[in-house]
Amino acid sequence: MPIRVGVIGAGIMGEDHIRNLSTTIGGAEVTFVADLDTARATAAAPPSARITTDPSELINSSEVDAVVVASHDSTHAGLVLECFDAMTPVLCEKPLAPTVLECMEVVEADADIVAATGASLLSLGFMRRFDPGYVALRQSVQERAQGEPLVVHCISRNANAGPGATAESAITNSAIHELDIIPWLLGSPVAEVSWQAGRSSRQADGELRDPSFMTLRTVDGTLTTLELFLNARYGYTTGCEVVSERGTTRLNDAALLSIQQEGSSRRAIPADWRPRFADAYRLQLQAWISALAEGDQPPLAGAQDGLKASLVAQAMIASLRSDGASTKVSCL
């Protein structure tokens, strides 16, 4: 029997998860979709799925074996806790929550469930851990073929910032990927961070300062730089290069096409992150569904990973608020 999945949120990410679960993931069936916009949910859902505007109805439905939370960041913690109350496995999109306090509440509830049952119900969608490029980069770093890593350079550029984006939400919603992947890549936790911004793009509205530049220093002494630009306009690109003692290793460019025509050569760049990380999302979802089907613990990030990333984000926001002062990351 397939794992019957309910998806909360039918926006960009929810729609993508619904499509994957319905077409490319073996052993899964989307049976329920919840979104405040009924028309959007109906358009995203397969014809046989039920539709609701009430996430609680979905979570407590006898027609749902597992839940994907892909709604607004501010709803994540509360919905995960509802899934815990229903004893329903849940895959929550990143971040686990926008604040450390909310993350800690989820971590404590998760620990209680693990103590009682021996297994966690929560999987967290830090999908870069499943991206073939990042997996290969991590293996290269772990093997130390080029000696010890010294510096890591990251770039993350989007075509347009989301509605209402601020300097702080850019950290908790966008940079959160690097705040998770860098300690995962290096095998060392983040100890200290700083945040800087110079001249902003005219496309940056309200409280958003864009682009921004961040640094992370891990306990092993490696320095990481991150350029985050949410309004780069030309499309979506991401990059990561590890500079080591005897060489460098970097992710390949992720252009969809290379076009040669009329005496020129150009590359087609995706409009957003979904084409770039299509394999990562697919592999992550399949690993989750397969583990649930076998009764195993899914090999995804978990509650503690979400809290650790949130603690780094909290320190980064503190640096932002103190004009870029270097800030220590709180210990668990």
C-alpha atoms as a PDB file:
ATOM      1  CA  MET A   1       0.000   0.000   0.000  1.00  0.00           C
ATOM      2  CA  PRO A   2       1.323   3.489  -0.780  1.00  0.00           C
ATOM      3  CA  ILE A   3       2.076   6.000   1.961  1.00  0.00           C
ATOM      4  CA  ARG A   4      -0.866   8.411   1.916  1.00  0.00           C
ATOM      5  CA  VAL A   5       0.527  11.944   2.163  1.00  0.00           C
ATOM      6  CA  GLY A   6      -1.205  15.162   3.087  1.00  0.00           C
ATOM      7  CA  VAL A   7       0.486  18.371   1.938  1.00  0.00           C
ATOM      8  CA  ILE A   8      -0.063  21.633   3.833  1.00  0.00           C
ATOM      9  CA  GLY A   9       0.601  24.621   1.596  1.00  0.00           C
ATOM     10  CA  ALA A  10       0.058  24.674  -2.173  1.00  0.00           C
ATOM     11  CA  GLY A  11       2.398  27.541  -3.021  1.00  0.00           C
ATOM     12  CA  ILE A  12       5.679  27.187  -4.907  1.00  0.00           C
ATOM     13  CA  MET A  13       7.167  24.495  -2.676  1.00  0.00           C
ATOM     14  CA  GLY A  14       3.929  22.716  -1.848  1.00  0.00           C
ATOM     15  CA  GLU A  15       2.985  22.460  -5.518  1.00  0.00           C
ATOM     16  CA  ASP A  16       6.440  21.056  -6.306  1.00  0.00           C
ATOM     17  CA  HIS A  17       6.170  18.439  -3.549  1.00  0.00           C
ATOM     18  CA  ILE A  18       2.681  17.445  -4.712  1.00  0.00           C
ATOM     19  CA  ARG A  19       3.900  17.013  -8.282  1.00  0.00           C
ATOM     20  CA  ASN A  20       6.906  14.938  -7.194  1.00  0.00           C
ATOM     21  CA  LEU A  21       4.909  12.743  -4.820  1.00  0.00           C
ATOM     22  CA  SER A  22       2.297  12.155  -7.522  1.00  0.00           C
ATOM     23  CA  THR A  23       4.603  11.480 -10.473  1.00  0.00           C
ATOM     24  CA  THR A  24       8.203  10.582  -9.572  1.00  0.00           C
ATOM     25  CA  ILE A  25       8.213   9.177  -6.037  1.00  0.00           C
ATOM     26  CA  GLY A  26       7.552   5.474  -5.704  1.00  0.00           C
ATOM     27  CA  GLY A  27       5.242   4.269  -2.955  1.00  0.00           C
ATOM     28  CA  ALA A  28       3.453   7.590  -2.301  1.00  0.00           C
ATOM     29  CA  GLU A  29      -0.009   8.984  -2.952  1.00  0.00           C
ATOM     30  CA  VAL A  30      -1.184  12.537  -2.234  1.00  0.00           C
ATOM     31  CA  THR A  31      -4.609  12.138  -0.631  1.00  0.00           C
ATOM     32  CA  PHE A  32      -5.188  15.528   1.007  1.00  0.00           C
ATOM     33  CA  VAL A  33      -4.081  19.133   0.348  1.00  0.00           C
ATOM     34  CA  ALA A  34      -4.630  22.080   2.684  1.00  0.00           C
ATOM     35  CA  ASP A  35      -4.279  25.728   1.697  1.00  0.00           C
ATOM     36  CA  LEU A  36      -6.081  28.934   2.600  1.00  0.00           C
ATOM     37  CA  ASP A  37      -6.589  29.453  -1.141  1.00  0.00           C
ATOM     38  CA  THR A  38      -8.991  26.704  -2.221  1.00  0.00           C
ATOM     39  CA  ALA A  39      -8.483  27.404  -5.919  1.00  0.00           C
ATOM     40  CA  ARG A  40      -4.726  27.133  -5.576  1.00  0.00           C
ATOM     41  CA  ALA A  41      -5.011  23.877  -3.641  1.00  0.00           C
ATOM     42  CA  THR A  42      -7.403  22.425  -6.215  1.00  0.00           C
ATOM     43  CA  ALA A  43      -5.095  23.371  -9.082  1.00  0.00           C
ATOM     44  CA  ALA A  44      -2.077  21.739  -7.395  1.00  0.00           C
ATOM     45  CA  ALA A  45      -3.733  18.581  -6.068  1.00  0.00           C
ATOM     46  CA  PRO A  46      -4.342  15.359  -8.004  1.00  0.00           C
ATOM     47  CA  PRO A  47      -8.026  14.868  -8.925  1.00  0.00           C
ATOM     48  CA  SER A  48      -8.628  12.220  -6.257  1.00  0.00           C
ATOM     49  CA  ALA A  49      -7.233  14.270  -3.343  1.00  0.00           C
ATOM     50  CA  ARG A  50      -9.432  15.981  -0.783  1.00  0.00           C
ATOM     51  CA  ILE A  51      -9.106  19.763  -0.349  1.00  0.00           C
ATOM     52  CA  THR A  52      -9.434  21.802   2.835  1.00  0.00           C
ATOM     53  CA  THR A  53      -8.577  25.231   4.186  1.00  0.00           C
ATOM     54  CA  ASP A  54      -8.014  23.729   7.672  1.00  0.00           C
ATOM     55  CA  PRO A  55      -4.590  22.107   8.244  1.00  0.00           C
ATOM     56  CA  SER A  56      -5.849  20.459  11.447  1.00  0.00           C
ATOM     57  CA  GLU A  57      -8.470  18.570   9.445  1.00  0.00           C
ATOM     58  CA  LEU A  58      -5.731  17.185   7.213  1.00  0.00           C
ATOM     59  CA  ILE A  59      -3.378  16.284  10.077  1.00  0.00           C
ATOM     60  CA  ASN A  60      -6.085  14.361  11.955  1.00  0.00           C
ATOM     61  CA  SER A  61      -7.594  12.666   8.908  1.00  0.00           C
ATOM     62  CA  SER A  62      -7.740   8.865   8.778  1.00  0.00           C
ATOM     63  CA  GLU A  63      -6.833   9.224   5.076  1.00  0.00           C
ATOM     64  CA  VAL A  64      -3.345  10.578   5.833  1.00  0.00           C
ATOM     65  CA  ASP A  65      -0.324   8.506   6.916  1.00  0.00           C
ATOM     66  CA  ALA A  66       2.260  11.296   6.752  1.00  0.00           C
ATOM     67  CA  VAL A  67       2.309  15.073   6.332  1.00  0.00           C
ATOM     68  CA  VAL A  68       4.454  17.529   4.375  1.00  0.00           C
ATOM     69  CA  VAL A  69       4.475  21.062   5.823  1.00  0.00           C
ATOM     70  CA  ALA A  70       5.194  23.567   3.037  1.00  0.00           C
ATOM     71  CA  SER A  71       3.239  26.549   4.341  1.00  0.00           C
ATOM     72  CA  HIS A  72       4.565  29.926   5.538  1.00  0.00           C
ATOM     73  CA  ASP A  73       7.599  29.783   7.828  1.00  0.00           C
ATOM     74  CA  SER A  74       5.604  31.261  10.713  1.00  0.00           C
ATOM     75  CA  THR A  75       3.286  28.203  10.735  1.00  0.00           C
ATOM     76  CA  HIS A  76       5.943  25.491  10.780  1.00  0.00           C
ATOM     77  CA  ALA A  77       6.432  24.932  14.513  1.00  0.00           C
ATOM     78  CA  GLY A  78       2.732  24.894  15.343  1.00  0.00           C
ATOM     79  CA  LEU A  79       1.877  22.468  12.553  1.00  0.00           C
ATOM     80  CA  VAL A  80       4.740  20.137  13.462  1.00  0.00           C
ATOM     81  CA  LEU A  81       3.520  20.061  17.062  1.00  0.00           C
ATOM     82  CA  GLU A  82       0.018  19.204  15.822  1.00  0.00           C
ATOM     83  CA  CYS A  83       1.514  16.308  13.853  1.00  0.00           C
ATOM     84  CA  PHE A  84       3.256  15.155  17.027  1.00  0.00           C
ATOM     85  CA  ASP A  85      -0.069  15.226  18.890  1.00  0.00           C
ATOM     86  CA  ALA A  86      -1.583  13.066  16.153  1.00  0.00           C
ATOM     87  CA  MET A  87       1.531  10.806  16.159  1.00  0.00           C
ATOM     88  CA  THR A  88       1.863  11.395  12.415  1.00  0.00           C
ATOM     89  CA  PRO A  89       5.266  11.465  10.658  1.00  0.00           C
ATOM     90  CA  VAL A  90       5.984  14.914   9.227  1.00  0.00           C
ATOM     91  CA  LEU A  91       8.445  16.360   6.734  1.00  0.00           C
ATOM     92  CA  CYS A  92       8.732  20.075   7.471  1.00  0.00           C
ATOM     93  CA  GLU A  93      10.210  22.453   4.921  1.00  0.00           C
ATOM     94  CA  LYS A  94      13.061  24.621   6.199  1.00  0.00           C
ATOM     95  CA  PRO A  95      13.307  26.477   8.475  1.00  0.00           C
ATOM     96  CA  LEU A  96      12.014  24.462  11.403  1.00  0.00           C
ATOM     97  CA  ALA A  97      10.796  27.827  12.750  1.00  0.00           C
ATOM     98  CA  PRO A  98      11.827  31.483  12.394  1.00  0.00           C
ATOM     99  CA  THR A  99      12.873  31.775  16.069  1.00  0.00           C
ATOM    100  CA  VAL A 100      15.066  29.809  18.454  1.00  0.00           C
ATOM    101  CA  LEU A 101      12.329  29.617  21.094  1.00  0.00           C
ATOM    102  CA  GLU A 102       9.930  27.935  18.666  1.00  0.00           C
ATOM    103  CA  CYS A 103      12.649  25.524  17.552  1.00  0.00           C
ATOM    104  CA  MET A 104      13.413  24.627  21.165  1.00  0.00           C
ATOM    105  CA  GLU A 105       9.745  23.852  21.799  1.00  0.00           C
ATOM    106  CA  VAL A 106       9.731  21.452  18.849  1.00  0.00           C
ATOM    107  CA  VAL A 107      13.045  19.880  19.907  1.00  0.00           C
ATOM    108  CA  GLU A 108      11.731  19.239  23.432  1.00  0.00           C
ATOM    109  CA  ALA A 109       8.515  17.679  22.119  1.00  0.00           C
ATOM    110  CA  ASP A 110      10.525  15.578  19.666  1.00  0.00           C
ATOM    111  CA  ALA A 111      12.788  14.352  22.476  1.00  0.00           C
ATOM    112  CA  ASP A 112       9.737  13.279  24.480  1.00  0.00           C
ATOM    113  CA  ILE A 113       8.445  11.232  21.552  1.00  0.00           C
ATOM    114  CA  VAL A 114      11.854   9.623  20.989  1.00  0.00           C
ATOM    115  CA  ALA A 115      12.052   8.737  24.683  1.00  0.00           C
ATOM    116  CA  ALA A 116       8.589   7.166  24.567  1.00  0.00           C
ATOM    117  CA  THR A 117       8.754   5.367  21.213  1.00  0.00           C
ATOM    118  CA  GLY A 118      12.434   5.138  20.279  1.00  0.00           C
ATOM    119  CA  ALA A 119      11.993   7.098  17.050  1.00  0.00           C
ATOM    120  CA  SER A 120      11.419  10.662  15.868  1.00  0.00           C
ATOM    121  CA  LEU A 121       8.396  11.663  13.800  1.00  0.00           C
ATOM    122  CA  LEU A 122      10.133  14.717  12.357  1.00  0.00           C
ATOM    123  CA  SER A 123      12.170  15.087   9.174  1.00  0.00           C
ATOM    124  CA  LEU A 124      13.430  18.504   8.108  1.00  0.00           C
ATOM    125  CA  GLY A 125      13.741  19.601   4.492  1.00  0.00           C
ATOM    126  CA  PHE A 126      17.365  20.719   4.224  1.00  0.00           C
ATOM    127  CA  MET A 127      17.406  19.164   0.772  1.00  0.00           C
ATOM    128  CA  ARG A 128      20.951  20.235  -0.162  1.00  0.00           C
ATOM    129  CA  ARG A 129      22.137  17.285   1.913  1.00  0.00           C
ATOM    130  CA  PHE A 130      20.724  15.125  -0.899  1.00  0.00           C
ATOM    131  CA  ASP A 131      22.032  17.177  -3.836  1.00  0.00           C
ATOM    132  CA  PRO A 132      24.556  15.039  -5.786  1.00  0.00           C
ATOM    133  CA  GLY A 133      26.922  18.007  -6.124  1.00  0.00           C
ATOM    134  CA  TYR A 134      26.992  18.814  -2.417  1.00  0.00           C
ATOM    135  CA  VAL A 135      27.273  15.122  -1.533  1.00  0.00           C
ATOM    136  CA  ALA A 136      30.333  14.785  -3.793  1.00  0.00           C
ATOM    137  CA  LEU A 137      31.810  18.021  -2.421  1.00  0.00           C
ATOM    138  CA  ARG A 138      31.406  16.775   1.141  1.00  0.00           C
ATOM    139  CA  GLN A 139      33.052  13.466   0.306  1.00  0.00           C
ATOM    140  CA  SER A 140      35.991  15.323  -1.241  1.00  0.00           C
ATOM    141  CA  VAL A 141      36.387  17.439   1.888  1.00  0.00           C
ATOM    142  CA  GLN A 142      36.164  14.427   4.191  1.00  0.00           C
ATOM    143  CA  GLU A 143      38.823  12.547   2.221  1.00  0.00           C
ATOM    144  CA  ARG A 144      41.211  15.529   2.546  1.00  0.00           C
ATOM    145  CA  ALA A 145      42.681  14.764  -0.888  1.00  0.00           C
ATOM    146  CA  GLN A 146      43.727  18.432  -1.145  1.00  0.00           C
ATOM    147  CA  GLY A 147      44.705  18.804   2.485  1.00  0.00           C
ATOM    148  CA  GLU A 148      42.812  20.699   5.131  1.00  0.00           C
ATOM    149  CA  PRO A 149      40.040  23.089   4.019  1.00  0.00           C
ATOM    150  CA  LEU A 150      40.947  26.713   4.678  1.00  0.00           C
ATOM    151  CA  VAL A 151      38.212  28.906   3.159  1.00  0.00           C
ATOM    152  CA  VAL A 152      34.760  28.236   1.704  1.00  0.00           C
ATOM    153  CA  HIS A 153      33.126  30.687  -0.719  1.00  0.00           C
ATOM    154  CA  CYS A 154      29.349  30.544  -1.202  1.00  0.00           C
ATOM    155  CA  ILE A 155      27.110  32.512  -3.546  1.00  0.00           C
ATOM    156  CA  SER A 156      23.311  32.452  -3.508  1.00  0.00           C
ATOM    157  CA  ARG A 157      21.410  34.639  -5.984  1.00  0.00           C
ATOM    158  CA  ASN A 158      17.697  34.774  -6.739  1.00  0.00           C
ATOM    159  CA  ALA A 159      15.932  36.613  -9.524  1.00  0.00           C
ATOM    160  CA  ASN A 160      13.523  38.412  -7.186  1.00  0.00           C
ATOM    161  CA  ALA A 161      12.980  38.606  -3.444  1.00  0.00           C
ATOM    162  CA  GLY A 162       9.718  37.232  -2.108  1.00  0.00           C
ATOM    163  CA  PRO A 163       6.957  39.602  -0.968  1.00  0.00           C
ATOM    164  CA  GLY A 164       7.725  41.322   2.321  1.00  0.00           C
ATOM    165  CA  ALA A 165      11.339  40.136   2.471  1.00  0.00           C
ATOM    166  CA  THR A 166      13.480  41.832   5.121  1.00  0.00           C
ATOM    167  CA  ALA A 167      17.156  41.663   6.030  1.00  0.00           C
ATOM    168  CA  GLU A 168      16.236  39.300   8.869  1.00  0.00           C
ATOM    169  CA  SER A 169      13.944  37.023   6.854  1.00  0.00           C
ATOM    170  CA  ALA A 170      16.677  36.802   4.203  1.00  0.00           C
ATOM    171  CA  ILE A 171      18.751  35.092   6.903  1.00  0.00           C
ATOM    172  CA  THR A 172      16.078  32.810   8.379  1.00  0.00           C
ATOM    173  CA  ASN A 173      14.516  31.846   5.035  1.00  0.00           C
ATOM    174  CA  SER A 174      17.295  32.009   2.397  1.00  0.00           C
ATOM    175  CA  ALA A 175      20.723  31.980   4.047  1.00  0.00           C
ATOM    176  CA  ILE A 176      19.467  29.241   6.375  1.00  0.00           C
ATOM    177  CA  HIS A 177      20.543  26.705   3.720  1.00  0.00           C
ATOM    178  CA  GLU A 178      24.198  27.737   4.055  1.00  0.00           C
ATOM    179  CA  LEU A 179      23.878  27.959   7.835  1.00  0.00           C
ATOM    180  CA  ASP A 180      22.977  24.264   7.756  1.00  0.00           C
ATOM    181  CA  ILE A 181      25.141  23.000   4.905  1.00  0.00           C
ATOM    182  CA  ILE A 182      28.476  24.525   5.987  1.00  0.00           C
ATOM    183  CA  PRO A 183      28.787  22.607   9.295  1.00  0.00           C
ATOM    184  CA  TRP A 184      27.460  19.511   7.491  1.00  0.00           C
ATOM    185  CA  LEU A 185      30.062  19.972   4.741  1.00  0.00           C
ATOM    186  CA  LEU A 186      33.017  20.628   7.046  1.00  0.00           C
ATOM    187  CA  GLY A 187      32.018  18.389   9.944  1.00  0.00           C
ATOM    188  CA  SER A 188      32.478  21.294  12.337  1.00  0.00           C
ATOM    189  CA  PRO A 189      29.851  23.527  14.019  1.00  0.00           C
ATOM    190  CA  VAL A 190      29.645  27.270  13.419  1.00  0.00           C
ATOM    191  CA  ALA A 191      31.206  29.239  16.284  1.00  0.00           C
ATOM    192  CA  GLU A 192      31.136  32.871  15.129  1.00  0.00           C
ATOM    193  CA  VAL A 193      29.419  34.931  12.438  1.00  0.00           C
ATOM    194  CA  SER A 194      29.197  38.432  11.022  1.00  0.00           C
ATOM    195  CA  TRP A 195      26.849  40.263   8.644  1.00  0.00           C
ATOM    196  CA  GLN A 196      27.573  43.208   6.354  1.00  0.00           C
ATOM    197  CA  ALA A 197      25.757  45.134   3.649  1.00  0.00           C
ATOM    198  CA  GLY A 198      26.889  47.959   1.429  1.00  0.00           C
ATOM    199  CA  ARG A 199      25.042  49.644  -1.375  1.00  0.00           C
ATOM    200  CA  SER A 200      21.606  48.096  -1.924  1.00  0.00           C
ATOM    201  CA  SER A 201      19.913  47.318  -5.193  1.00  0.00           C
ATOM    202  CA  ARG A 202      17.095  49.660  -6.176  1.00  0.00           C
ATOM    203  CA  GLN A 203      14.949  46.519  -6.316  1.00  0.00           C
ATOM    204  CA  ALA A 204      15.285  46.025  -2.544  1.00  0.00           C
ATOM    205  CA  ASP A 205      12.075  47.183  -0.878  1.00  0.00           C
ATOM    206  CA  GLY A 206      11.258  48.097   2.691  1.00  0.00           C
ATOM    207  CA  GLU A 207      13.600  46.662   5.312  1.00  0.00           C
ATOM    208  CA  LEU A 208      15.529  44.452   2.911  1.00  0.00           C
ATOM    209  CA  ARG A 209      19.217  45.305   2.440  1.00  0.00           C
ATOM    210  CA  ASP A 210      20.276  43.477  -0.669  1.00  0.00           C
ATOM    211  CA  PRO A 211      22.819  42.125  -1.470  1.00  0.00           C
ATOM    212  CA  SER A 212      24.347  41.178   1.870  1.00  0.00           C
ATOM    213  CA  PHE A 213      27.649  39.557   2.786  1.00  0.00           C
ATOM    214  CA  MET A 214      28.077  37.109   5.641  1.00  0.00           C
ATOM    215  CA  THR A 215      30.974  35.272   7.216  1.00  0.00           C
ATOM    216  CA  LEU A 216      30.933  32.106   9.289  1.00  0.00           C
ATOM    217  CA  ARG A 217      33.866  30.703  11.244  1.00  0.00           C
ATOM    218  CA  THR A 218      33.561  27.060  12.236  1.00  0.00           C
ATOM    219  CA  VAL A 219      35.165  25.544  15.332  1.00  0.00           C
ATOM    220  CA  ASP A 220      37.929  24.021  13.178  1.00  0.00           C
ATOM    221  CA  GLY A 221      38.975  27.537  12.094  1.00  0.00           C
ATOM    222  CA  THR A 222      37.685  27.418   8.517  1.00  0.00           C
ATOM    223  CA  LEU A 223      36.290  30.738   7.292  1.00  0.00           C
ATOM    224  CA  THR A 224      33.216  30.743   5.045  1.00  0.00           C
ATOM    225  CA  THR A 225      31.951  33.705   3.048  1.00  0.00           C
ATOM    226  CA  LEU A 226      28.419  34.029   1.687  1.00  0.00           C
ATOM    227  CA  GLU A 227      27.135  36.559  -0.810  1.00  0.00           C
ATOM    228  CA  LEU A 228      23.351  36.575  -0.679  1.00  0.00           C
ATOM    229  CA  PHE A 229      21.571  38.550  -3.407  1.00  0.00           C
ATOM    230  CA  LEU A 230      17.799  38.114  -3.558  1.00  0.00           C
ATOM    231  CA  ASN A 231      17.185  40.548  -6.439  1.00  0.00           C
ATOM    232  CA  ALA A 232      19.908  39.547  -8.887  1.00  0.00           C
ATOM    233  CA  ARG A 233      17.263  39.701 -11.657  1.00  0.00           C
ATOM    234  CA  TYR A 234      18.962  37.405 -14.167  1.00  0.00           C
ATOM    235  CA  GLY A 235      17.799  34.118 -12.596  1.00  0.00           C
ATOM    236  CA  TYR A 236      18.840  31.663  -9.904  1.00  0.00           C
ATOM    237  CA  THR A 237      22.422  30.569  -9.304  1.00  0.00           C
ATOM    238  CA  THR A 238      24.194  29.067  -6.348  1.00  0.00           C
ATOM    239  CA  GLY A 239      27.847  28.265  -5.839  1.00  0.00           C
ATOM    240  CA  CYS A 240      30.178  26.707  -3.299  1.00  0.00           C
ATOM    241  CA  GLU A 241      33.969  26.447  -3.561  1.00  0.00           C
ATOM    242  CA  VAL A 242      36.235  24.879  -0.932  1.00  0.00           C
ATOM    243  CA  VAL A 243      39.768  26.265  -0.918  1.00  0.00           C
ATOM    244  CA  SER A 244      42.177  23.774   0.634  1.00  0.00           C
ATOM    245  CA  GLU A 245      45.936  23.570   1.214  1.00  0.00           C
ATOM    246  CA  ARG A 246      46.744  21.980  -2.159  1.00  0.00           C
ATOM    247  CA  GLY A 247      43.823  22.855  -4.405  1.00  0.00           C
ATOM    248  CA  THR A 248      40.191  23.853  -4.678  1.00  0.00           C
ATOM    249  CA  THR A 249      36.930  21.988  -5.240  1.00  0.00           C
ATOM    250  CA  ARG A 250      33.707  23.663  -6.347  1.00  0.00           C
ATOM    251  CA  LEU A 251      30.209  22.821  -7.501  1.00  0.00           C
ATOM    252  CA  ASN A 252      29.672  22.844 -11.250  1.00  0.00           C
ATOM    253  CA  ASP A 253      27.547  25.603 -12.767  1.00  0.00           C
ATOM    254  CA  ALA A 254      23.917  24.590 -13.021  1.00  0.00           C
ATOM    255  CA  ALA A 255      22.852  26.179 -16.297  1.00  0.00           C
ATOM    256  CA  LEU A 256      20.049  24.229 -17.927  1.00  0.00           C
ATOM    257  CA  LEU A 257      21.265  24.677 -21.498  1.00  0.00           C
ATOM    258  CA  SER A 258      24.316  25.839 -23.418  1.00  0.00           C
ATOM    259  CA  ILE A 259      23.188  27.618 -26.603  1.00  0.00           C
ATOM    260  CA  GLN A 260      25.372  28.479 -29.597  1.00  0.00           C
ATOM    261  CA  GLN A 261      23.667  30.540 -32.284  1.00  0.00           C
ATOM    262  CA  GLU A 262      24.419  33.377 -34.711  1.00  0.00           C
ATOM    263  CA  GLY A 263      28.034  33.781 -33.718  1.00  0.00           C
ATOM    264  CA  SER A 264      27.409  33.773 -29.971  1.00  0.00           C
ATOM    265  CA  SER A 265      27.419  31.333 -27.086  1.00  0.00           C
ATOM    266  CA  ARG A 266      25.191  31.668 -24.037  1.00  0.00           C
ATOM    267  CA  ARG A 267      23.827  29.641 -21.161  1.00  0.00           C
ATOM    268  CA  ALA A 268      20.187  29.435 -20.091  1.00  0.00           C
ATOM    269  CA  ILE A 269      19.829  30.053 -16.347  1.00  0.00           C
ATOM    270  CA  PRO A 270      16.842  28.766 -14.345  1.00  0.00           C
ATOM    271  CA  ALA A 271      14.350  31.322 -13.049  1.00  0.00           C
ATOM    272  CA  ASP A 272      14.311  29.878  -9.521  1.00  0.00           C
ATOM    273  CA  TRP A 273      15.877  27.169  -7.364  1.00  0.00           C
ATOM    274  CA  ARG A 274      13.598  24.270  -8.288  1.00  0.00           C
ATOM    275  CA  PRO A 275      15.326  23.169 -11.524  1.00  0.00           C
ATOM    276  CA  ARG A 276      18.746  23.470  -9.851  1.00  0.00           C
ATOM    277  CA  PHE A 277      17.739  21.274  -6.916  1.00  0.00           C
ATOM    278  CA  ALA A 278      15.205  19.021  -8.652  1.00  0.00           C
ATOM    279  CA  ASP A 279      17.325  15.921  -7.975  1.00  0.00           C
ATOM    280  CA  ALA A 280      17.818  16.907  -4.340  1.00  0.00           C
ATOM    281  CA  TYR A 281      14.092  17.318  -3.713  1.00  0.00           C
ATOM    282  CA  ARG A 282      13.292  14.059  -5.484  1.00  0.00           C
ATOM    283  CA  LEU A 283      15.979  12.071  -3.659  1.00  0.00           C
ATOM    284  CA  GLN A 284      14.990  13.546  -0.310  1.00  0.00           C
ATOM    285  CA  LEU A 285      11.288  12.740  -0.777  1.00  0.00           C
ATOM    286  CA  GLN A 286      12.044   9.211  -1.966  1.00  0.00           C
ATOM    287  CA  ALA A 287      14.316   8.581   1.021  1.00  0.00           C
ATOM    288  CA  TRP A 288      11.558   9.804   3.351  1.00  0.00           C
ATOM    289  CA  ILE A 289       8.788   7.724   1.771  1.00  0.00           C
ATOM    290  CA  SER A 290      10.954   4.594   1.497  1.00  0.00           C
ATOM    291  CA  ALA A 291      11.978   4.810   5.147  1.00  0.00           C
ATOM    292  CA  LEU A 292       8.377   5.249   6.283  1.00  0.00           C
ATOM    293  CA  ALA A 293       7.320   2.258   4.192  1.00  0.00           C
ATOM    294  CA  GLU A 294      10.021   0.099   5.791  1.00  0.00           C
ATOM    295  CA  GLY A 295       9.358   1.394   9.310  1.00  0.00           C
ATOM    296  CA  ASP A 296      12.849   2.939   9.484  1.00  0.00           C
ATOM    297  CA  GLN A 297      14.007   6.353  10.677  1.00  0.00           C
ATOM    298  CA  PRO A 298      14.222   8.624   7.592  1.00  0.00           C
ATOM    299  CA  PRO A 299      17.822   9.735   6.846  1.00  0.00           C
ATOM    300  CA  LEU A 300      16.899  13.427   6.630  1.00  0.00           C
ATOM    301  CA  ALA A 301      17.896  16.323   8.865  1.00  0.00           C
ATOM    302  CA  GLY A 302      16.050  16.397  12.163  1.00  0.00           C
ATOM    303  CA  ALA A 303      14.917  18.661  14.980  1.00  0.00           C
ATOM    304  CA  GLN A 304      18.397  19.212  16.404  1.00  0.00           C
ATOM    305  CA  ASP A 305      19.673  20.239  12.960  1.00  0.00           C
ATOM    306  CA  GLY A 306      16.876  22.782  12.704  1.00  0.00           C
ATOM    307  CA  LEU A 307      17.714  24.212  16.125  1.00  0.00           C
ATOM    308  CA  LYS A 308      21.434  24.433  15.334  1.00  0.00           C
ATOM    309  CA  ALA A 309      20.749  26.353  12.111  1.00  0.00           C
ATOM    310  CA  SER A 310      18.355  28.636  14.002  1.00  0.00           C
ATOM    311  CA  LEU A 311      21.015  29.404  16.626  1.00  0.00           C
ATOM    312  CA  VAL A 312      23.420  30.425  13.852  1.00  0.00           C
ATOM    313  CA  ALA A 313      20.675  32.554  12.277  1.00  0.00           C
ATOM    314  CA  GLN A 314      20.022  34.199  15.655  1.00  0.00           C
ATOM    315  CA  ALA A 315      23.694  35.138  15.944  1.00  0.00           C
ATOM    316  CA  MET A 316      23.688  36.459  12.362  1.00  0.00           C
ATOM    317  CA  ILE A 317      20.661  38.651  13.130  1.00  0.00           C
ATOM    318  CA  ALA A 318      22.422  39.920  16.253  1.00  0.00           C
ATOM    319  CA  SER A 319      25.389  40.918  14.073  1.00  0.00           C
ATOM    320  CA  LEU A 320      23.028  42.651  11.637  1.00  0.00           C
ATOM    321  CA  ARG A 321      21.492  44.638  14.492  1.00  0.00           C
ATOM    322  CA  SER A 322      24.909  45.622  15.839  1.00  0.00           C
ATOM    323  CA  ASP A 323      26.295  47.046  12.567  1.00  0.00           C
ATOM    324  CA  GLY A 324      28.186  43.915  11.595  1.00  0.00           C
ATOM    325  CA  ALA A 325      29.920  43.154  14.878  1.00  0.00           C
ATOM    326  CA  SER A 326      31.302  39.634  15.059  1.00  0.00           C
ATOM    327  CA  THR A 327      28.912  37.511  17.138  1.00  0.00           C
ATOM    328  CA  LYS A 328      29.410  34.189  18.919  1.00  0.00           C
ATOM    329  CA  VAL A 329      26.915  31.406  18.259  1.00  0.00           C
ATOM    330  CA  SER A 330      25.109  30.223  21.394  1.00  0.00           C
ATOM    331  CA  CYS A 331      25.844  26.654  22.400  1.00  0.00           C
ATOM    332  CA  LEU A 332      23.112  24.054  22.784  1.00  0.00           C
END
